[in-house]
C-alpha cells in the first residue's frame, strides 16, 4: 500500500507544478549546443538563470562553457535529480523556488526558458522587471516559443534571442 501513497505524492507534485508553471519536457542536447554556439555563446563573464531548470541540462552546458548558472525549479523531485546530475559541475546552483517570486542574482546576464505559449509573455515581463531592478540589459533566450509583441534579435533553430533593456516599455 505504501507505493500507492508514493504514486499519489508524485502525481500531486507534478500536478501542482503543471498548474503553477510549465510541465517538464527535456530539451534536446544538440539544440542546446547549437544555441550556445551560434545564438548566444556563453563565457566566463556570464551568469545564466534557467527558469524551470528541470534536470539541469542547461546548467551543465553553461558550466561546460565556464559560465555560472542558477536554476529555479518548483518540482522537488527534479531539484533532487538536477542536484545529483550537476554536483560535479563548477558554478552551478539549483534552487527549489518559484521564479515568479525570486530575485535574480545581481550578476545575471542571460535568462533561459523553455516556457509555453501560456506563460512566455509573463516570463519575458518578469525578466524585464529584473532588468529594471538590476538597471542593466538582460539577454532572454526562449526555446520553442516567440514572445508575442517582441522581435527577436537573432534566431537559431527553435531558439529565439531577445535583449530586454531596463528602459523598454512593458507589453500590455
N, C-alpha and C. Protein backbone atom coordinates (compact mmCIF):
# COMPACT_ATOMS: atom_id res chain seq x y z
N UNK A 1 0.79 -1.20 0.00
CA UNK A 1 0.00 0.00 0.00
C UNK A 1 0.84 1.27 0.00
N UNK A 2 2.08 1.19 0.51
CA UNK A 2 2.94 2.37 0.56
C UNK A 2 3.19 2.93 -0.83
N UNK A 3 3.23 2.06 -1.82
CA UNK A 3 3.50 2.50 -3.19
C UNK A 3 2.35 3.35 -3.75
N UNK A 4 1.13 3.12 -3.27
CA UNK A 4 0.01 3.97 -3.68
C UNK A 4 0.17 5.39 -3.14
N UNK A 5 0.63 5.49 -1.90
CA UNK A 5 0.89 6.81 -1.33
C UNK A 5 2.02 7.51 -2.08
N UNK A 6 3.04 6.76 -2.42
CA UNK A 6 4.15 7.32 -3.18
C UNK A 6 3.67 7.80 -4.55
N UNK A 7 2.91 6.99 -5.24
CA UNK A 7 2.37 7.36 -6.54
C UNK A 7 1.48 8.61 -6.43
N UNK A 8 0.63 8.65 -5.42
CA UNK A 8 -0.24 9.81 -5.20
C UNK A 8 0.60 11.07 -4.95
N UNK A 9 1.67 10.95 -4.16
CA UNK A 9 2.53 12.10 -3.89
C UNK A 9 3.20 12.60 -5.17
N UNK A 10 3.68 11.69 -5.98
CA UNK A 10 4.33 12.07 -7.24
C UNK A 10 3.34 12.76 -8.17
N UNK A 11 2.14 12.21 -8.28
CA UNK A 11 1.10 12.82 -9.13
C UNK A 11 0.75 14.21 -8.61
N UNK A 12 0.63 14.38 -7.30
CA UNK A 12 0.32 15.69 -6.73
C UNK A 12 1.44 16.69 -6.98
N UNK A 13 2.68 16.25 -6.80
CA UNK A 13 3.81 17.15 -7.02
C UNK A 13 3.84 17.62 -8.48
N UNK A 14 3.77 16.67 -9.42
CA UNK A 14 3.81 17.04 -10.83
C UNK A 14 2.56 17.84 -11.22
N UNK A 15 1.42 17.52 -10.65
CA UNK A 15 0.19 18.25 -10.93
C UNK A 15 0.28 19.69 -10.46
N UNK A 16 0.82 19.90 -9.25
CA UNK A 16 0.99 21.26 -8.74
C UNK A 16 1.92 22.06 -9.63
N UNK A 17 3.02 21.44 -10.03
CA UNK A 17 4.00 22.14 -10.86
C UNK A 17 3.39 22.52 -12.21
N UNK A 18 2.62 21.63 -12.81
CA UNK A 18 1.98 21.94 -14.09
C UNK A 18 0.98 23.08 -13.92
N UNK A 19 0.27 23.08 -12.80
CA UNK A 19 -0.70 24.16 -12.53
C UNK A 19 0.01 25.49 -12.34
N UNK A 20 1.15 25.48 -11.66
CA UNK A 20 1.89 26.71 -11.32
C UNK A 20 2.84 27.14 -12.43
N UNK A 21 3.33 26.19 -13.22
CA UNK A 21 4.29 26.50 -14.27
C UNK A 21 4.12 25.54 -15.42
N UNK A 22 5.15 25.42 -16.21
CA UNK A 22 5.11 24.54 -17.38
C UNK A 22 5.45 23.11 -16.97
N UNK A 23 4.96 22.13 -17.71
CA UNK A 23 5.33 20.75 -17.42
C UNK A 23 6.79 20.50 -17.80
N UNK A 24 7.36 19.47 -17.22
CA UNK A 24 8.74 19.11 -17.52
C UNK A 24 8.82 18.45 -18.89
N UNK A 25 9.59 19.05 -19.77
CA UNK A 25 9.86 18.48 -21.09
C UNK A 25 11.36 18.66 -21.31
N UNK A 26 12.12 17.58 -21.42
CA UNK A 26 13.57 17.71 -21.59
C UNK A 26 13.94 18.40 -22.91
N UNK A 27 14.95 19.24 -22.85
CA UNK A 27 15.46 19.92 -24.03
C UNK A 27 16.51 19.04 -24.69
N UNK A 28 16.48 18.99 -26.01
CA UNK A 28 17.45 18.16 -26.74
C UNK A 28 18.83 18.79 -26.65
N UNK A 29 19.81 17.96 -26.30
CA UNK A 29 21.17 18.45 -26.09
C UNK A 29 21.74 19.11 -27.34
N UNK A 30 21.48 18.54 -28.51
CA UNK A 30 22.05 19.14 -29.74
C UNK A 30 21.48 20.55 -29.97
N UNK A 31 20.24 20.79 -29.56
CA UNK A 31 19.66 22.12 -29.69
C UNK A 31 20.32 23.11 -28.73
N UNK A 32 20.64 22.64 -27.54
CA UNK A 32 21.30 23.48 -26.55
C UNK A 32 22.69 23.87 -27.04
N UNK A 33 23.42 22.89 -27.54
CA UNK A 33 24.78 23.16 -28.04
C UNK A 33 24.73 24.17 -29.18
N UNK A 34 23.80 23.99 -30.10
CA UNK A 34 23.64 24.92 -31.22
C UNK A 34 23.32 26.33 -30.70
N UNK A 35 22.43 26.42 -29.72
CA UNK A 35 22.07 27.73 -29.17
C UNK A 35 23.26 28.42 -28.54
N UNK A 36 24.07 27.69 -27.77
CA UNK A 36 25.19 28.30 -27.08
C UNK A 36 26.43 28.41 -27.95
N UNK A 37 26.42 27.80 -29.13
CA UNK A 37 27.48 28.01 -30.11
C UNK A 37 27.17 29.18 -31.04
N UNK A 38 25.92 29.27 -31.50
CA UNK A 38 25.57 30.22 -32.55
C UNK A 38 24.66 31.37 -32.11
N UNK A 39 23.78 31.12 -31.17
CA UNK A 39 22.82 32.16 -30.77
C UNK A 39 23.42 33.10 -29.74
N UNK A 40 23.90 32.54 -28.66
CA UNK A 40 24.49 33.32 -27.58
C UNK A 40 25.62 32.51 -26.97
N UNK A 41 26.86 32.73 -27.43
CA UNK A 41 27.99 31.98 -26.87
C UNK A 41 28.27 32.40 -25.43
N UNK A 42 28.02 31.51 -24.51
CA UNK A 42 28.29 31.76 -23.10
C UNK A 42 29.79 31.76 -22.85
N UNK A 43 30.21 32.54 -21.85
CA UNK A 43 31.62 32.50 -21.46
C UNK A 43 31.73 32.78 -19.96
N UNK A 44 32.94 32.94 -19.51
CA UNK A 44 33.24 33.10 -18.09
C UNK A 44 32.58 34.33 -17.47
N UNK A 45 32.19 35.31 -18.27
CA UNK A 45 31.58 36.54 -17.77
C UNK A 45 30.08 36.42 -17.55
N UNK A 46 29.50 35.30 -17.97
CA UNK A 46 28.04 35.15 -17.90
C UNK A 46 27.58 34.43 -16.65
N UNK A 47 26.42 34.87 -16.17
CA UNK A 47 25.66 34.13 -15.18
C UNK A 47 24.28 33.91 -15.80
N UNK A 48 23.98 32.66 -16.07
CA UNK A 48 22.73 32.27 -16.71
C UNK A 48 21.72 31.87 -15.65
N UNK A 49 20.50 32.36 -15.79
CA UNK A 49 19.38 31.93 -14.95
C UNK A 49 18.50 31.05 -15.83
N UNK A 50 18.21 29.84 -15.35
CA UNK A 50 17.34 28.92 -16.08
C UNK A 50 16.01 28.84 -15.35
N UNK A 51 14.96 29.29 -16.04
CA UNK A 51 13.61 29.28 -15.48
C UNK A 51 13.01 27.90 -15.70
N UNK A 52 12.74 27.19 -14.62
CA UNK A 52 12.23 25.82 -14.75
C UNK A 52 13.34 24.91 -15.20
N UNK A 53 14.36 24.77 -14.38
CA UNK A 53 15.60 24.11 -14.80
C UNK A 53 15.52 22.60 -14.94
N UNK A 54 14.42 21.99 -14.56
CA UNK A 54 14.22 20.55 -14.80
C UNK A 54 15.36 19.71 -14.28
N UNK A 55 15.97 18.92 -15.18
CA UNK A 55 17.06 18.02 -14.78
C UNK A 55 18.43 18.69 -14.81
N UNK A 56 18.49 19.98 -15.14
CA UNK A 56 19.74 20.74 -15.09
C UNK A 56 20.60 20.68 -16.34
N UNK A 57 20.06 20.21 -17.45
CA UNK A 57 20.86 20.08 -18.66
C UNK A 57 21.40 21.43 -19.14
N UNK A 58 20.62 22.48 -19.02
CA UNK A 58 21.08 23.83 -19.42
C UNK A 58 22.18 24.28 -18.46
N UNK A 59 22.02 24.02 -17.18
CA UNK A 59 23.01 24.42 -16.18
C UNK A 59 24.34 23.73 -16.44
N UNK A 60 24.29 22.45 -16.77
CA UNK A 60 25.52 21.69 -17.04
C UNK A 60 26.22 22.23 -18.29
N UNK A 61 25.46 22.53 -19.32
CA UNK A 61 26.08 23.06 -20.55
C UNK A 61 26.68 24.44 -20.30
N UNK A 62 26.03 25.25 -19.49
CA UNK A 62 26.59 26.56 -19.13
C UNK A 62 27.93 26.38 -18.41
N UNK A 63 27.97 25.45 -17.47
CA UNK A 63 29.20 25.18 -16.73
C UNK A 63 30.31 24.69 -17.65
N UNK A 64 29.97 23.86 -18.62
CA UNK A 64 30.98 23.37 -19.59
C UNK A 64 31.61 24.53 -20.36
N UNK A 65 30.88 25.63 -20.46
CA UNK A 65 31.36 26.81 -21.18
C UNK A 65 31.94 27.86 -20.23
N UNK A 66 32.20 27.44 -19.00
CA UNK A 66 32.80 28.28 -17.96
C UNK A 66 31.92 29.43 -17.48
N UNK A 67 30.63 29.35 -17.75
CA UNK A 67 29.68 30.33 -17.22
C UNK A 67 29.15 29.80 -15.89
N UNK A 68 28.65 30.70 -15.07
CA UNK A 68 27.95 30.29 -13.86
C UNK A 68 26.47 30.17 -14.19
N UNK A 69 25.75 29.37 -13.41
CA UNK A 69 24.34 29.15 -13.72
C UNK A 69 23.54 28.90 -12.45
N UNK A 70 22.32 29.46 -12.45
CA UNK A 70 21.37 29.26 -11.36
C UNK A 70 20.08 28.74 -11.98
N UNK A 71 19.60 27.63 -11.45
CA UNK A 71 18.34 27.07 -11.92
C UNK A 71 17.26 27.20 -10.87
N UNK A 72 16.08 27.66 -11.31
CA UNK A 72 14.91 27.72 -10.43
C UNK A 72 13.96 26.61 -10.87
N UNK A 73 13.58 25.77 -9.94
CA UNK A 73 12.69 24.63 -10.24
C UNK A 73 11.71 24.47 -9.09
N UNK A 74 10.44 24.23 -9.44
CA UNK A 74 9.38 24.03 -8.44
C UNK A 74 9.24 22.58 -7.99
N UNK A 75 9.60 21.66 -8.84
CA UNK A 75 9.39 20.25 -8.57
C UNK A 75 10.54 19.70 -7.72
N UNK A 76 10.27 19.31 -6.48
CA UNK A 76 11.35 18.82 -5.62
C UNK A 76 12.04 17.56 -6.15
N UNK A 77 11.31 16.73 -6.87
CA UNK A 77 11.94 15.54 -7.44
C UNK A 77 12.96 15.92 -8.52
N UNK A 78 12.62 16.91 -9.34
CA UNK A 78 13.56 17.37 -10.37
C UNK A 78 14.73 18.13 -9.76
N UNK A 79 14.49 18.86 -8.66
CA UNK A 79 15.59 19.53 -7.97
C UNK A 79 16.60 18.48 -7.48
N UNK A 80 16.10 17.39 -6.90
CA UNK A 80 16.99 16.32 -6.44
C UNK A 80 17.75 15.68 -7.58
N UNK A 81 17.06 15.38 -8.67
CA UNK A 81 17.72 14.80 -9.84
C UNK A 81 18.76 15.76 -10.39
N UNK A 82 18.40 17.02 -10.52
CA UNK A 82 19.31 18.03 -11.04
C UNK A 82 20.54 18.16 -10.15
N UNK A 83 20.32 18.16 -8.85
CA UNK A 83 21.45 18.25 -7.92
C UNK A 83 22.40 17.08 -8.12
N UNK A 84 21.85 15.88 -8.26
CA UNK A 84 22.69 14.70 -8.49
C UNK A 84 23.49 14.81 -9.79
N UNK A 85 22.83 15.25 -10.84
CA UNK A 85 23.48 15.33 -12.15
C UNK A 85 24.45 16.50 -12.26
N UNK A 86 24.27 17.54 -11.46
CA UNK A 86 25.10 18.74 -11.56
C UNK A 86 26.17 18.84 -10.48
N UNK A 87 26.22 17.92 -9.55
CA UNK A 87 27.08 18.09 -8.38
C UNK A 87 28.56 18.21 -8.72
N UNK A 88 29.00 17.70 -9.85
CA UNK A 88 30.43 17.78 -10.23
C UNK A 88 30.74 19.03 -11.04
N UNK A 89 29.75 19.82 -11.38
CA UNK A 89 29.95 20.98 -12.25
C UNK A 89 30.19 22.24 -11.42
N UNK A 90 31.18 23.02 -11.83
CA UNK A 90 31.54 24.26 -11.13
C UNK A 90 30.54 25.36 -11.46
N UNK A 91 30.24 26.18 -10.47
CA UNK A 91 29.45 27.38 -10.69
C UNK A 91 27.97 27.15 -10.93
N UNK A 92 27.46 25.98 -10.54
CA UNK A 92 26.04 25.65 -10.74
C UNK A 92 25.33 25.65 -9.40
N UNK A 93 24.18 26.32 -9.37
CA UNK A 93 23.34 26.33 -8.17
C UNK A 93 21.90 26.03 -8.58
N UNK A 94 21.26 25.13 -7.85
CA UNK A 94 19.87 24.77 -8.12
C UNK A 94 19.05 25.19 -6.91
N UNK A 95 17.95 25.90 -7.18
CA UNK A 95 17.10 26.34 -6.09
C UNK A 95 15.69 25.79 -6.25
N UNK A 96 15.17 25.23 -5.17
CA UNK A 96 13.77 24.84 -5.11
C UNK A 96 13.01 26.13 -4.83
N UNK A 97 12.54 26.76 -5.90
CA UNK A 97 11.94 28.09 -5.76
C UNK A 97 10.98 28.37 -6.89
N UNK A 98 10.06 29.26 -6.60
CA UNK A 98 9.13 29.77 -7.58
C UNK A 98 9.78 31.01 -8.20
N UNK A 99 10.20 30.90 -9.45
CA UNK A 99 10.94 32.00 -10.05
C UNK A 99 10.09 33.28 -10.14
N UNK A 100 8.76 33.14 -10.14
CA UNK A 100 7.90 34.33 -10.19
C UNK A 100 8.16 35.22 -8.97
N UNK A 101 8.61 34.62 -7.87
CA UNK A 101 8.84 35.37 -6.63
C UNK A 101 10.32 35.61 -6.36
N UNK A 102 11.18 35.01 -7.14
CA UNK A 102 12.63 35.08 -6.90
C UNK A 102 13.22 36.36 -7.48
N UNK A 103 14.28 36.84 -6.84
CA UNK A 103 15.09 37.90 -7.41
C UNK A 103 16.30 37.24 -8.06
N UNK A 104 16.57 37.61 -9.30
CA UNK A 104 17.73 37.06 -9.99
C UNK A 104 19.00 37.60 -9.34
N UNK A 105 20.08 36.81 -9.36
CA UNK A 105 21.35 37.32 -8.83
C UNK A 105 21.77 38.61 -9.55
N UNK A 106 22.46 39.47 -8.84
CA UNK A 106 22.89 40.75 -9.41
C UNK A 106 23.78 40.57 -10.64
N UNK A 107 24.51 39.46 -10.72
CA UNK A 107 25.44 39.22 -11.82
C UNK A 107 24.77 38.62 -13.06
N UNK A 108 23.47 38.41 -13.03
CA UNK A 108 22.75 37.78 -14.14
C UNK A 108 23.00 38.54 -15.44
N UNK A 109 23.30 37.78 -16.51
CA UNK A 109 23.48 38.38 -17.83
C UNK A 109 22.49 37.81 -18.85
N UNK A 110 22.07 36.56 -18.63
CA UNK A 110 21.20 35.89 -19.60
C UNK A 110 20.21 35.00 -18.87
N UNK A 111 18.99 34.97 -19.40
CA UNK A 111 17.92 34.15 -18.83
C UNK A 111 17.46 33.19 -19.92
N UNK A 112 17.36 31.90 -19.56
CA UNK A 112 16.96 30.86 -20.50
C UNK A 112 15.62 30.28 -20.05
N UNK A 113 14.74 30.07 -21.01
CA UNK A 113 13.49 29.41 -20.67
C UNK A 113 12.99 28.54 -21.81
N UNK A 114 12.41 27.43 -21.43
CA UNK A 114 11.63 26.61 -22.34
C UNK A 114 10.21 26.71 -21.78
N UNK A 115 9.61 27.85 -22.03
CA UNK A 115 8.29 28.13 -21.49
C UNK A 115 7.21 27.47 -22.33
N UNK A 116 6.07 28.05 -22.28
CA UNK A 116 4.97 27.58 -23.12
C UNK A 116 4.19 28.81 -23.58
N UNK A 117 3.30 28.61 -24.51
CA UNK A 117 2.56 29.74 -25.07
C UNK A 117 1.74 30.46 -24.01
N UNK A 118 1.37 29.75 -22.97
CA UNK A 118 0.57 30.34 -21.89
C UNK A 118 1.38 31.34 -21.06
N UNK A 119 2.66 31.06 -20.84
CA UNK A 119 3.45 31.83 -19.89
C UNK A 119 4.61 32.61 -20.48
N UNK A 120 4.92 32.47 -21.77
CA UNK A 120 6.13 33.07 -22.31
C UNK A 120 6.13 34.60 -22.18
N UNK A 121 4.99 35.23 -22.37
CA UNK A 121 4.92 36.69 -22.23
C UNK A 121 5.20 37.09 -20.79
N UNK A 122 4.61 36.38 -19.83
CA UNK A 122 4.85 36.68 -18.41
C UNK A 122 6.32 36.46 -18.04
N UNK A 123 6.94 35.43 -18.62
CA UNK A 123 8.36 35.16 -18.33
C UNK A 123 9.23 36.31 -18.84
N UNK A 124 8.94 36.79 -20.04
CA UNK A 124 9.69 37.93 -20.58
C UNK A 124 9.46 39.17 -19.73
N UNK A 125 8.24 39.38 -19.27
CA UNK A 125 7.94 40.54 -18.43
C UNK A 125 8.64 40.45 -17.07
N UNK A 126 8.68 39.26 -16.50
CA UNK A 126 9.40 39.06 -15.23
C UNK A 126 10.88 39.38 -15.44
N UNK A 127 11.44 38.92 -16.56
CA UNK A 127 12.85 39.18 -16.85
C UNK A 127 13.07 40.68 -17.07
N UNK A 128 12.15 41.35 -17.75
CA UNK A 128 12.25 42.80 -17.93
C UNK A 128 12.18 43.52 -16.59
N UNK A 129 11.32 43.07 -15.70
CA UNK A 129 11.26 43.65 -14.35
C UNK A 129 12.59 43.50 -13.63
N UNK A 130 13.21 42.34 -13.79
CA UNK A 130 14.52 42.12 -13.17
C UNK A 130 15.58 42.99 -13.83
N UNK A 131 15.51 43.19 -15.14
CA UNK A 131 16.45 44.09 -15.83
C UNK A 131 16.32 45.50 -15.26
N UNK A 132 15.10 45.93 -14.98
CA UNK A 132 14.88 47.25 -14.39
C UNK A 132 15.45 47.31 -12.96
N UNK A 133 15.17 46.26 -12.19
CA UNK A 133 15.68 46.23 -10.81
C UNK A 133 17.21 46.26 -10.79
N UNK A 134 17.83 45.51 -11.71
CA UNK A 134 19.29 45.44 -11.79
C UNK A 134 19.89 46.63 -12.55
N UNK A 135 19.03 47.38 -13.23
CA UNK A 135 19.44 48.53 -14.03
C UNK A 135 20.47 48.15 -15.09
N UNK A 136 20.17 47.05 -15.81
CA UNK A 136 21.04 46.65 -16.92
C UNK A 136 20.24 45.78 -17.88
N UNK A 137 20.73 45.69 -19.10
CA UNK A 137 20.09 44.84 -20.10
C UNK A 137 20.34 43.38 -19.76
N UNK A 138 19.33 42.55 -20.04
CA UNK A 138 19.46 41.11 -19.89
C UNK A 138 19.12 40.46 -21.22
N UNK A 139 19.86 39.43 -21.56
CA UNK A 139 19.54 38.65 -22.74
C UNK A 139 18.52 37.59 -22.30
N UNK A 140 17.56 37.33 -23.17
CA UNK A 140 16.47 36.40 -22.86
C UNK A 140 16.40 35.40 -24.00
N UNK A 141 16.63 34.11 -23.69
CA UNK A 141 16.58 33.05 -24.69
C UNK A 141 15.32 32.23 -24.45
N UNK A 142 14.50 32.15 -25.47
CA UNK A 142 13.29 31.34 -25.41
C UNK A 142 13.43 30.17 -26.36
N UNK A 143 13.20 28.98 -25.86
CA UNK A 143 13.25 27.78 -26.68
C UNK A 143 11.84 27.36 -27.03
N UNK A 144 11.54 27.40 -28.32
CA UNK A 144 10.27 26.86 -28.80
C UNK A 144 9.15 27.85 -28.95
N UNK A 145 9.24 29.03 -28.34
CA UNK A 145 8.13 29.97 -28.39
C UNK A 145 8.63 31.40 -28.59
N UNK A 146 8.04 32.08 -29.57
CA UNK A 146 8.27 33.51 -29.74
C UNK A 146 7.54 34.26 -28.64
N UNK A 147 8.10 35.40 -28.25
CA UNK A 147 7.43 36.27 -27.29
C UNK A 147 6.52 37.20 -28.09
N UNK A 148 5.20 37.09 -27.92
CA UNK A 148 4.28 37.94 -28.67
C UNK A 148 4.57 39.43 -28.45
N UNK A 149 4.57 40.19 -29.54
CA UNK A 149 4.79 41.63 -29.46
C UNK A 149 6.24 42.04 -29.41
N UNK A 150 7.16 41.10 -29.42
CA UNK A 150 8.59 41.41 -29.40
C UNK A 150 9.27 40.73 -30.58
N UNK A 151 10.29 41.37 -31.11
CA UNK A 151 11.04 40.79 -32.23
C UNK A 151 12.38 40.27 -31.71
N UNK A 152 12.69 39.02 -31.99
CA UNK A 152 13.99 38.50 -31.56
C UNK A 152 15.11 39.19 -32.33
N UNK A 153 16.26 39.35 -31.67
CA UNK A 153 17.40 39.94 -32.36
C UNK A 153 18.15 38.88 -33.15
N UNK A 154 17.90 37.60 -32.80
CA UNK A 154 18.54 36.51 -33.52
C UNK A 154 17.73 35.24 -33.29
N UNK A 155 17.71 34.37 -34.30
CA UNK A 155 17.03 33.09 -34.20
C UNK A 155 17.97 32.00 -34.71
N UNK A 156 18.05 30.91 -33.95
CA UNK A 156 18.81 29.73 -34.38
C UNK A 156 17.94 28.53 -34.06
N UNK A 157 17.49 27.84 -35.12
CA UNK A 157 16.60 26.70 -34.92
C UNK A 157 15.34 27.16 -34.21
N UNK A 158 15.03 26.51 -33.09
CA UNK A 158 13.84 26.85 -32.31
C UNK A 158 14.15 27.78 -31.14
N UNK A 159 15.36 28.34 -31.12
CA UNK A 159 15.75 29.29 -30.07
C UNK A 159 15.62 30.71 -30.58
N UNK A 160 15.11 31.57 -29.70
CA UNK A 160 14.93 32.99 -30.02
C UNK A 160 15.66 33.82 -28.96
N UNK A 161 16.45 34.79 -29.42
CA UNK A 161 17.21 35.64 -28.52
C UNK A 161 16.64 37.06 -28.53
N UNK A 162 16.41 37.59 -27.33
CA UNK A 162 15.89 38.94 -27.16
C UNK A 162 16.83 39.70 -26.22
N UNK A 163 16.91 41.01 -26.44
CA UNK A 163 17.59 41.89 -25.48
C UNK A 163 16.49 42.66 -24.76
N UNK A 164 16.47 42.53 -23.45
CA UNK A 164 15.47 43.24 -22.63
C UNK A 164 16.20 44.35 -21.88
N UNK A 165 15.90 45.59 -22.27
CA UNK A 165 16.54 46.76 -21.70
C UNK A 165 15.68 47.38 -20.61
N UNK A 166 16.30 47.92 -19.56
CA UNK A 166 15.53 48.48 -18.44
C UNK A 166 14.57 49.59 -18.85
N UNK A 167 14.87 50.30 -19.91
CA UNK A 167 14.02 51.42 -20.32
C UNK A 167 12.90 51.02 -21.28
N UNK A 168 12.83 49.73 -21.66
CA UNK A 168 11.78 49.27 -22.55
C UNK A 168 10.42 49.38 -21.86
N UNK A 169 9.43 49.72 -22.67
CA UNK A 169 8.07 49.75 -22.16
C UNK A 169 7.55 48.31 -22.04
N UNK A 170 6.72 48.07 -21.06
CA UNK A 170 6.09 46.76 -20.90
C UNK A 170 5.08 46.55 -22.01
N UNK A 171 4.93 45.31 -22.41
CA UNK A 171 3.90 44.93 -23.38
C UNK A 171 2.65 44.62 -22.59
N UNK A 172 1.58 45.32 -22.84
CA UNK A 172 0.36 45.10 -22.06
C UNK A 172 -0.64 44.29 -22.82
